C-alpha atoms as a PDB file:
ATOM      1  CA  MET A   1     -10.200  -7.374  -5.410  1.00  0.00           C
ATOM      2  CA  VAL A   2     -13.765  -8.744  -5.362  1.00  0.00           C
ATOM      3  CA  ASP A   3     -16.997  -6.420  -5.246  1.00  0.00           C
ATOM      4  CA  VAL A   4     -18.236  -6.705  -1.754  1.00  0.00           C
ATOM      5  CA  GLN A   5     -14.694  -4.738  -0.984  1.00  0.00           C
ATOM      6  CA  ASP A   6     -14.858  -1.937  -3.545  1.00  0.00           C
ATOM      7  CA  ALA A   7     -18.231  -1.277  -1.918  1.00  0.00           C
ATOM      8  CA  MET A   8     -16.237  -0.040   1.561  1.00  0.00           C
ATOM      9  CA  ASP A   9     -15.550   4.286   1.052  1.00  0.00           C
ATOM     10  CA  LEU A  10     -16.075   4.513   5.352  1.00  0.00           C
ATOM     11  CA  THR A  11     -15.605   8.055   6.808  1.00  0.00           C
ATOM     12  CA  PRO A  12     -14.110   8.365   9.905  1.00  0.00           C
ATOM     13  CA  ALA A  13     -17.134   8.516  11.538  1.00  0.00           C
ATOM     14  CA  ARG A  14     -18.574   5.683  10.034  1.00  0.00           C
ATOM     15  CA  ARG A  15     -15.227   3.547  10.424  1.00  0.00           C
ATOM     16  CA  GLU A  16     -15.665   4.628  14.199  1.00  0.00           C
ATOM     17  CA  ILE A  17     -18.988   2.822  14.547  1.00  0.00           C
ATOM     18  CA  LEU A  18     -18.155  -0.003  13.716  1.00  0.00           C
ATOM     19  CA  GLU A  19     -15.150  -0.184  15.363  1.00  0.00           C
ATOM     20  CA  ALA A  20     -17.596  -0.073  18.465  1.00  0.00           C
ATOM     21  CA  ALA A  21     -19.712  -2.660  16.899  1.00  0.00           C
ATOM     22  CA  ALA A  22     -17.066  -4.766  16.475  1.00  0.00           C
ATOM     23  CA  ASP A  23     -15.890  -5.215  19.554  1.00  0.00           C
ATOM     24  CA  CYS A  24     -19.850  -5.643  20.840  1.00  0.00           C
ATOM     25  CA  PHE A  25     -20.237  -8.410  18.245  1.00  0.00           C
ATOM     26  CA  MET A  26     -17.032 -10.389  19.073  1.00  0.00           C
ATOM     27  CA  GLU A  27     -17.759  -9.785  23.117  1.00  0.00           C
ATOM     28  CA  GLN A  28     -21.168 -10.450  23.571  1.00  0.00           C
ATOM     29  CA  GLY A  29     -22.573 -11.997  20.148  1.00  0.00           C
ATOM     30  CA  PHE A  30     -24.963 -11.016  17.648  1.00  0.00           C
ATOM     31  CA  HIS A  31     -28.213 -11.368  19.348  1.00  0.00           C
ATOM     32  CA  ALA A  32     -27.195  -9.675  22.425  1.00  0.00           C
ATOM     33  CA  THR A  33     -25.776  -6.862  20.420  1.00  0.00           C
ATOM     34  CA  SER A  34     -28.040  -3.982  19.650  1.00  0.00           C
ATOM     35  CA  ILE A  35     -27.855  -0.264  18.054  1.00  0.00           C
ATOM     36  CA  ASP A  36     -28.453   1.207  22.286  1.00  0.00           C
ATOM     37  CA  VAL A  37     -25.450  -1.563  23.023  1.00  0.00           C
ATOM     38  CA  VAL A  38     -23.107   0.054  20.494  1.00  0.00           C
ATOM     39  CA  ALA A  39     -23.838   3.571  20.766  1.00  0.00           C
ATOM     40  CA  ARG A  40     -23.146   3.162  25.064  1.00  0.00           C
ATOM     41  CA  ARG A  41     -19.795   1.860  23.897  1.00  0.00           C
ATOM     42  CA  MET A  42     -18.672   5.136  22.025  1.00  0.00           C
ATOM     43  CA  GLY A  43     -19.931   7.236  24.598  1.00  0.00           C
ATOM     44  CA  ALA A  44     -22.598   8.496  22.227  1.00  0.00           C
ATOM     45  CA  THR A  45     -26.392   8.648  21.245  1.00  0.00           C
ATOM     46  CA  LYS A  46     -28.017   6.079  19.481  1.00  0.00           C
ATOM     47  CA  GLY A  47     -29.063   8.849  16.858  1.00  0.00           C
ATOM     48  CA  ARG A  48     -25.977   9.131  16.260  1.00  0.00           C
ATOM     49  CA  VAL A  49     -25.678   5.357  14.835  1.00  0.00           C
ATOM     50  CA  TYR A  50     -28.994   5.306  13.025  1.00  0.00           C
ATOM     51  CA  HIS A  51     -27.690   8.290  10.981  1.00  0.00           C
ATOM     52  CA  HIS A  52     -24.967   6.028   9.545  1.00  0.00           C
ATOM     53  CA  TYR A  53     -27.045   2.519   9.858  1.00  0.00           C
ATOM     54  CA  GLN A  54     -30.525   1.901   9.645  1.00  0.00           C
ATOM     55  CA  SER A  55     -30.595  -1.345  11.654  1.00  0.00           C
ATOM     56  CA  LYS A  56     -28.060  -3.490  13.258  1.00  0.00           C
ATOM     57  CA  MET A  57     -28.086  -6.412  10.686  1.00  0.00           C
ATOM     58  CA  ASP A  58     -27.030  -3.150   8.382  1.00  0.00           C
ATOM     59  CA  LEU A  59     -24.835  -2.713  10.969  1.00  0.00           C
ATOM     60  CA  PHE A  60     -23.368  -6.537  10.904  1.00  0.00           C
ATOM     61  CA  PHE A  61     -23.245  -6.453   7.470  1.00  0.00           C
ATOM     62  CA  ASP A  62     -20.500  -3.527   7.330  1.00  0.00           C
ATOM     63  CA  VAL A  63     -18.158  -5.202  10.196  1.00  0.00           C
ATOM     64  CA  HIS A  64     -18.503  -7.991   8.412  1.00  0.00           C
ATOM     65  CA  ARG A  65     -17.448  -6.239   4.464  1.00  0.00           C
ATOM     66  CA  LEU A  66     -14.366  -4.523   6.345  1.00  0.00           C
ATOM     67  CA  GLY A  67     -13.600  -7.683   8.392  1.00  0.00           C
ATOM     68  CA  MET A  68     -12.843  -9.380   5.000  1.00  0.00           C
ATOM     69  CA  GLN A  69     -11.395  -6.232   3.598  1.00  0.00           C
ATOM     70  CA  LEU A  70      -8.660  -6.431   5.693  1.00  0.00           C
ATOM     71  CA  LEU A  71      -7.922  -9.907   5.209  1.00  0.00           C
ATOM     72  CA  PHE A  72      -8.090  -9.165   1.231  1.00  0.00           C
ATOM     73  CA  GLU A  73      -5.685  -6.234   2.163  1.00  0.00           C
ATOM     74  CA  ALA A  74      -3.088  -8.537   3.913  1.00  0.00           C
ATOM     75  CA  VAL A  75      -3.112 -11.333   1.741  1.00  0.00           C
ATOM     76  CA  GLU A  76      -3.359 -10.273  -1.760  1.00  0.00           C
ATOM     77  CA  PRO A  77       0.468  -8.568  -1.791  1.00  0.00           C
ATOM     78  CA  ALA A  78       1.883 -11.883   0.004  1.00  0.00           C
ATOM     79  CA  SER A  79       0.338 -13.549  -3.011  1.00  0.00           C
ATOM     80  CA  ARG A  80       2.454 -11.848  -5.158  1.00  0.00           C
ATOM     81  CA  ALA A  81       6.078 -12.475  -3.704  1.00  0.00           C
ATOM     82  CA  PRO A  82       9.120 -14.032  -4.986  1.00  0.00           C
ATOM     83  CA  GLY A  83       9.464 -17.465  -3.813  1.00  0.00           C
ATOM     84  CA  ASP A  84       8.653 -21.235  -5.024  1.00  0.00           C
ATOM     85  CA  ALA A  85       4.627 -21.970  -4.435  1.00  0.00           C
ATOM     86  CA  VAL A  86       4.833 -23.024  -1.119  1.00  0.00           C
ATOM     87  CA  GLN A  87       6.906 -20.261  -0.427  1.00  0.00           C
ATOM     88  CA  VAL A  88       4.610 -18.031  -1.059  1.00  0.00           C
ATOM     89  CA  LEU A  89       1.495 -19.820   0.648  1.00  0.00           C
ATOM     90  CA  GLY A  90       3.801 -19.671   3.738  1.00  0.00           C
ATOM     91  CA  GLY A  91       3.643 -15.933   3.350  1.00  0.00           C
ATOM     92  CA  MET A  92       0.084 -15.838   2.509  1.00  0.00           C
ATOM     93  CA  MET A  93      -1.360 -17.763   5.152  1.00  0.00           C
ATOM     94  CA  ARG A  94       1.592 -15.935   8.129  1.00  0.00           C
ATOM     95  CA  ALA A  95       0.036 -12.238   6.646  1.00  0.00           C
ATOM     96  CA  HIS A  96      -3.365 -14.004   7.380  1.00  0.00           C
ATOM     97  CA  ALA A  97      -2.287 -15.275  10.653  1.00  0.00           C
ATOM     98  CA  LEU A  98      -1.357 -11.613  11.361  1.00  0.00           C
ATOM     99  CA  ALA A  99      -4.112  -9.914   9.791  1.00  0.00           C
ATOM    100  CA  LEU A 100      -6.106 -12.226  12.210  1.00  0.00           C
ATOM    101  CA  PHE A 101      -4.105 -11.009  15.563  1.00  0.00           C
ATOM    102  CA  GLU A 102      -3.966  -7.532  14.372  1.00  0.00           C
ATOM    103  CA  HIS A 103      -8.413  -7.041  13.609  1.00  0.00           C
ATOM    104  CA  HIS A 104      -9.190  -9.434  16.244  1.00  0.00           C
ATOM    105  CA  ALA A 105     -12.779  -8.302  16.754  1.00  0.00           C
ATOM    106  CA  PHE A 106     -13.264  -7.933  12.879  1.00  0.00           C
ATOM    107  CA  GLU A 107     -12.598 -11.371  12.013  1.00  0.00           C
ATOM    108  CA  SER A 108     -14.286 -12.956  14.965  1.00  0.00           C
ATOM    109  CA  VAL A 109     -17.315 -11.320  13.449  1.00  0.00           C
ATOM    110  CA  VAL A 110     -16.278 -12.537  10.305  1.00  0.00           C
ATOM    111  CA  VAL A 111     -16.795 -15.894  11.468  1.00  0.00           C
ATOM    112  CA  GLN A 112     -20.382 -15.012  13.177  1.00  0.00           C
ATOM    113  CA  GLY A 113     -21.548 -14.353   9.687  1.00  0.00           C
ATOM    114  CA  VAL A 114     -20.608 -17.906   8.544  1.00  0.00           C
ATOM    115  CA  HIS A 115     -23.026 -19.309  11.584  1.00  0.00           C
ATOM    116  CA  LEU A 116     -25.479 -16.435  10.450  1.00  0.00           C
ATOM    117  CA  HIS A 117     -25.445 -17.656   7.648  1.00  0.00           C
ATOM    118  CA  ARG A 118     -25.962 -21.232   7.820  1.00  0.00           C
ATOM    119  CA  PHE A 119     -28.468 -21.360  10.552  1.00  0.00           C
ATOM    120  CA  GLY A 120     -30.051 -17.550  11.121  1.00  0.00           C
ATOM    121  CA  ALA A 121     -33.633 -16.550  10.594  1.00  0.00           C
ATOM    122  CA  THR A 122     -32.978 -13.988   8.526  1.00  0.00           C
ATOM    123  CA  THR A 123     -35.032 -12.276   5.597  1.00  0.00           C
ATOM    124  CA  PRO A 124     -34.672 -12.633   1.794  1.00  0.00           C
ATOM    125  CA  ALA A 125     -33.168  -9.352   1.127  1.00  0.00           C
ATOM    126  CA  GLN A 126     -30.642 -10.512   4.580  1.00  0.00           C
ATOM    127  CA  ARG A 127     -29.593 -13.631   2.833  1.00  0.00           C
ATOM    128  CA  LYS A 128     -28.720 -12.337  -0.244  1.00  0.00           C
ATOM    129  CA  VAL A 129     -26.804  -9.707   0.996  1.00  0.00           C
ATOM    130  CA  LEU A 130     -25.292 -12.945   3.503  1.00  0.00           C
ATOM    131  CA  ASP A 131     -24.613 -14.821   0.249  1.00  0.00           C
ATOM    132  CA  GLU A 132     -22.850 -11.823  -1.494  1.00  0.00           C
ATOM    133  CA  LEU A 133     -20.494 -12.027   1.799  1.00  0.00           C
ATOM    134  CA  ILE A 134     -20.222 -15.743   1.833  1.00  0.00           C
ATOM    135  CA  ALA A 135     -18.624 -15.039  -1.529  1.00  0.00           C
ATOM    136  CA  SER A 136     -16.041 -12.818  -0.794  1.00  0.00           C
ATOM    137  CA  ARG A 137     -15.023 -15.712   1.528  1.00  0.00           C
ATOM    138  CA  ASP A 138     -15.286 -18.158  -0.934  1.00  0.00           C
ATOM    139  CA  CYS A 139     -13.206 -16.221  -3.362  1.00  0.00           C
ATOM    140  CA  PHE A 140     -10.480 -15.269  -0.298  1.00  0.00           C
ATOM    141  CA  GLU A 141     -10.507 -19.306  -0.174  1.00  0.00           C
ATOM    142  CA  GLN A 142      -9.806 -19.425  -3.757  1.00  0.00           C
ATOM    143  CA  LEU A 143      -6.697 -17.337  -3.200  1.00  0.00           C
ATOM    144  CA  PHE A 144      -4.638 -20.238  -1.251  1.00  0.00           C
ATOM    145  CA  ARG A 145      -6.674 -23.058  -3.414  1.00  0.00           C
ATOM    146  CA  GLN A 146      -4.810 -22.063  -6.681  1.00  0.00           C
ATOM    147  CA  GLN A 147      -1.637 -21.209  -4.615  1.00  0.00           C
ATOM    148  CA  LEU A 148      -1.592 -24.768  -3.624  1.00  0.00           C
ATOM    149  CA  GLU A 149      -2.595 -26.364  -6.810  1.00  0.00           C
ATOM    150  CA  LEU A 150       0.427 -24.282  -7.872  1.00  0.00           C
ATOM    151  CA  GLY A 151       2.657 -26.080  -5.277  1.00  0.00           C
ATOM    152  CA  GLN A 152       1.366 -29.362  -6.591  1.00  0.00           C
ATOM    153  CA  GLN A 153       1.870 -28.596 -10.040  1.00  0.00           C
ATOM    154  CA  GLN A 154       5.616 -27.776  -8.853  1.00  0.00           C
ATOM    155  CA  GLY A 155       5.941 -30.958  -7.202  1.00  0.00           C
ATOM    156  CA  LEU A 156       6.164 -29.181  -4.135  1.00  0.00           C
ATOM    157  CA  VAL A 157       2.771 -30.378  -2.080  1.00  0.00           C
ATOM    158  CA  ALA A 158       1.458 -33.616  -1.551  1.00  0.00           C
ATOM    159  CA  ALA A 159      -1.320 -35.368  -3.167  1.00  0.00           C
ATOM    160  CA  VAL A 160      -3.891 -33.959  -1.129  1.00  0.00           C
ATOM    161  CA  SER A 161      -7.021 -32.722  -1.777  1.00  0.00           C
ATOM    162  CA  PRO A 162      -6.625 -29.174  -2.439  1.00  0.00           C
ATOM    163  CA  SER A 163     -10.273 -28.001  -1.220  1.00  0.00           C
ATOM    164  CA  ILE A 164      -9.744 -29.895   1.882  1.00  0.00           C
ATOM    165  CA  ALA A 165      -6.150 -29.114   2.213  1.00  0.00           C
ATOM    166  CA  VAL A 166      -6.823 -25.190   2.069  1.00  0.00           C
ATOM    167  CA  LYS A 167      -9.992 -25.497   4.633  1.00  0.00           C
ATOM    168  CA  THR A 168      -7.828 -27.619   6.927  1.00  0.00           C
ATOM    169  CA  LEU A 169      -5.370 -24.644   6.936  1.00  0.00           C
ATOM    170  CA  LEU A 170      -7.272 -22.109   7.248  1.00  0.00           C
ATOM    171  CA  GLY A 171      -9.499 -23.299  10.242  1.00  0.00           C
ATOM    172  CA  GLY A 172      -6.151 -24.046  11.613  1.00  0.00           C
ATOM    173  CA  LEU A 173      -5.575 -20.204  11.602  1.00  0.00           C
ATOM    174  CA  GLN A 174      -8.984 -19.546  12.463  1.00  0.00           C
ATOM    175  CA  TRP A 175      -8.863 -20.944  15.391  1.00  0.00           C
ATOM    176  CA  SER A 176      -6.833 -18.454  17.117  1.00  0.00           C
ATOM    177  CA  LEU A 177      -9.591 -16.601  17.253  1.00  0.00           C
ATOM    178  CA  VAL A 178     -10.942 -18.203  20.470  1.00  0.00           C
ATOM    179  CA  TRP A 179      -7.360 -18.816  21.578  1.00  0.00           C
ATOM    180  CA  TYR A 180      -5.705 -15.755  21.137  1.00  0.00           C
ATOM    181  CA  ARG A 181      -6.470 -12.802  23.500  1.00  0.00           C
ATOM    182  CA  PRO A 182      -3.979  -9.786  23.435  1.00  0.00           C
ATOM    183  CA  GLU A 183      -2.526  -9.115  26.576  1.00  0.00           C
ATOM    184  CA  ARG A 184      -0.617  -6.241  27.628  1.00  0.00           C
ATOM    185  CA  GLY A 185       3.058  -6.262  26.023  1.00  0.00           C
ATOM    186  CA  ASP A 186       2.040  -8.452  23.178  1.00  0.00           C
ATOM    187  CA  GLY A 187       3.922  -6.306  20.768  1.00  0.00           C
ATOM    188  CA  ALA A 188       4.264  -6.914  16.625  1.00  0.00           C
ATOM    189  CA  ALA A 189       7.649  -9.549  17.779  1.00  0.00           C
ATOM    190  CA  HIS A 190       5.645 -11.416  19.764  1.00  0.00           C
ATOM    191  CA  ARG A 191       2.522 -11.974  16.758  1.00  0.00           C
ATOM    192  CA  GLU A 192       4.879 -12.068  13.848  1.00  0.00           C
ATOM    193  CA  ARG A 193       6.795 -15.633  16.387  1.00  0.00           C
ATOM    194  CA  LEU A 194       3.629 -16.850  16.948  1.00  0.00           C
ATOM    195  CA  ALA A 195       2.907 -16.514  12.995  1.00  0.00           C
ATOM    196  CA  ASP A 196       5.597 -18.027  11.765  1.00  0.00           C
ATOM    197  CA  ALA A 197       5.378 -20.951  14.380  1.00  0.00           C
ATOM    198  CA  MET A 198       1.772 -21.435  12.875  1.00  0.00           C
ATOM    199  CA  VAL A 199       2.419 -21.803   9.945  1.00  0.00           C
ATOM    200  CA  HIS A 200       5.221 -23.823  10.290  1.00  0.00           C
ATOM    201  CA  THR A 201       2.954 -26.061  11.686  1.00  0.00           C
ATOM    202  CA  LEU A 202       0.699 -26.134   9.083  1.00  0.00           C
ATOM    203  CA  VAL A 203       2.828 -26.273   6.092  1.00  0.00           C
ATOM    204  CA  ASP A 204       5.559 -28.198   6.803  1.00  0.00           C
ATOM    205  CA  GLY A 205       3.119 -31.211   6.945  1.00  0.00           C
ATOM    206  CA  LEU A 206       2.057 -30.196   3.123  1.00  0.00           C
ATOM    207  CA  ARG A 207       5.452 -30.543   1.468  1.00  0.00           C
ATOM    208  CA  ALA A 208       6.060 -33.913  -0.843  1.00  0.00           C
ATOM    209  CA  ARG A 209       8.281 -36.378   0.613  1.00  0.00           C
ATOM    210  CA  ALA A 210      10.185 -39.012  -0.875  1.00  0.00           C
ATOM    211  CA  VAL A 211       8.018 -42.542  -0.438  1.00  0.00           C
ATOM    212  CA  ALA A 212      10.171 -44.682   1.884  1.00  0.00           C
ATOM    213  CA  PRO A 213      11.142 -48.048   0.581  1.00  0.00           C
ATOM    214  CA  THR A 214       8.886 -50.897   2.346  1.00  0.00           C
ATOM    215  CA  VAL A 215      10.465 -53.723   4.021  1.00  0.00           C
ATOM    216  CA  GLY A 216       9.811 -56.165   1.044  1.00  0.00           C
ATOM    217  CA  SER A 217      11.809 -53.957  -1.768  1.00  0.00           C
ATOM    218  CA  ARG A 218      15.283 -53.216   0.695  1.00  0.00           C
ATOM    219  CA  THR A 219      15.095 -57.054   1.000  1.00  0.00           C
ATOM    220  CA  ARG A 220      14.452 -57.548  -2.738  1.00  0.00           C
ATOM    221  CA  ARG A 221      17.943 -54.796  -2.964  1.00  0.00           C
ATOM    222  CA  ARG A 222      19.380 -57.126  -0.807  1.00  0.00           C
ATOM    223  CA  ARG A 223      19.458 -60.405  -2.735  1.00  0.00           C
ATOM    224  CA  ALA A 224      20.016 -58.702  -5.926  1.00  0.00           C
ATOM    225  CA  VAL A 225      23.261 -57.567  -4.762  1.00  0.00           C
END
């Protein structure tokens, strides 16, 4: 478990603020969201939010932290499940996809954090916190990379670049933050079917396959006979 997760010790009051802030950041973006906006979403005064968070940036950081914590809590148990490397990798990706569906707002903010880290104007202190948050994402990605490399060692995964492959896999799942919108009646079974379809599409492309013989090799074998 990474340090950024261990720091999260939330009271019900802080969790309520983070839930409202995540929705606001997802719907309006970082720049258009203010403490006023979050307080209105809660039906509370600004003072209630400021009691816990001195600035919008501090609030954004904790939404990001909780978003990462939720991902680790979903994926780490799946990484310890029985099965061969590809089966475990598929289970980890399924857990990741379901966490994206269930915690849509928080995970959208995590993606905003990456953009803020790359392009945002921040103070040195803010930059330090963002560096720590991005480091937690790197640790999360490493869980998948290690599993993919294990699959290659077992001869189950094709000879692909682990770094590029994992970024492609996770990117494929995270794109659901753009196109997936929960609708009335979308229960757990619907989300599970969707996650299964996504994971099957992505993981099946990684599997090692027998190399098909070339035309020349087939001709040589026929002549040899």
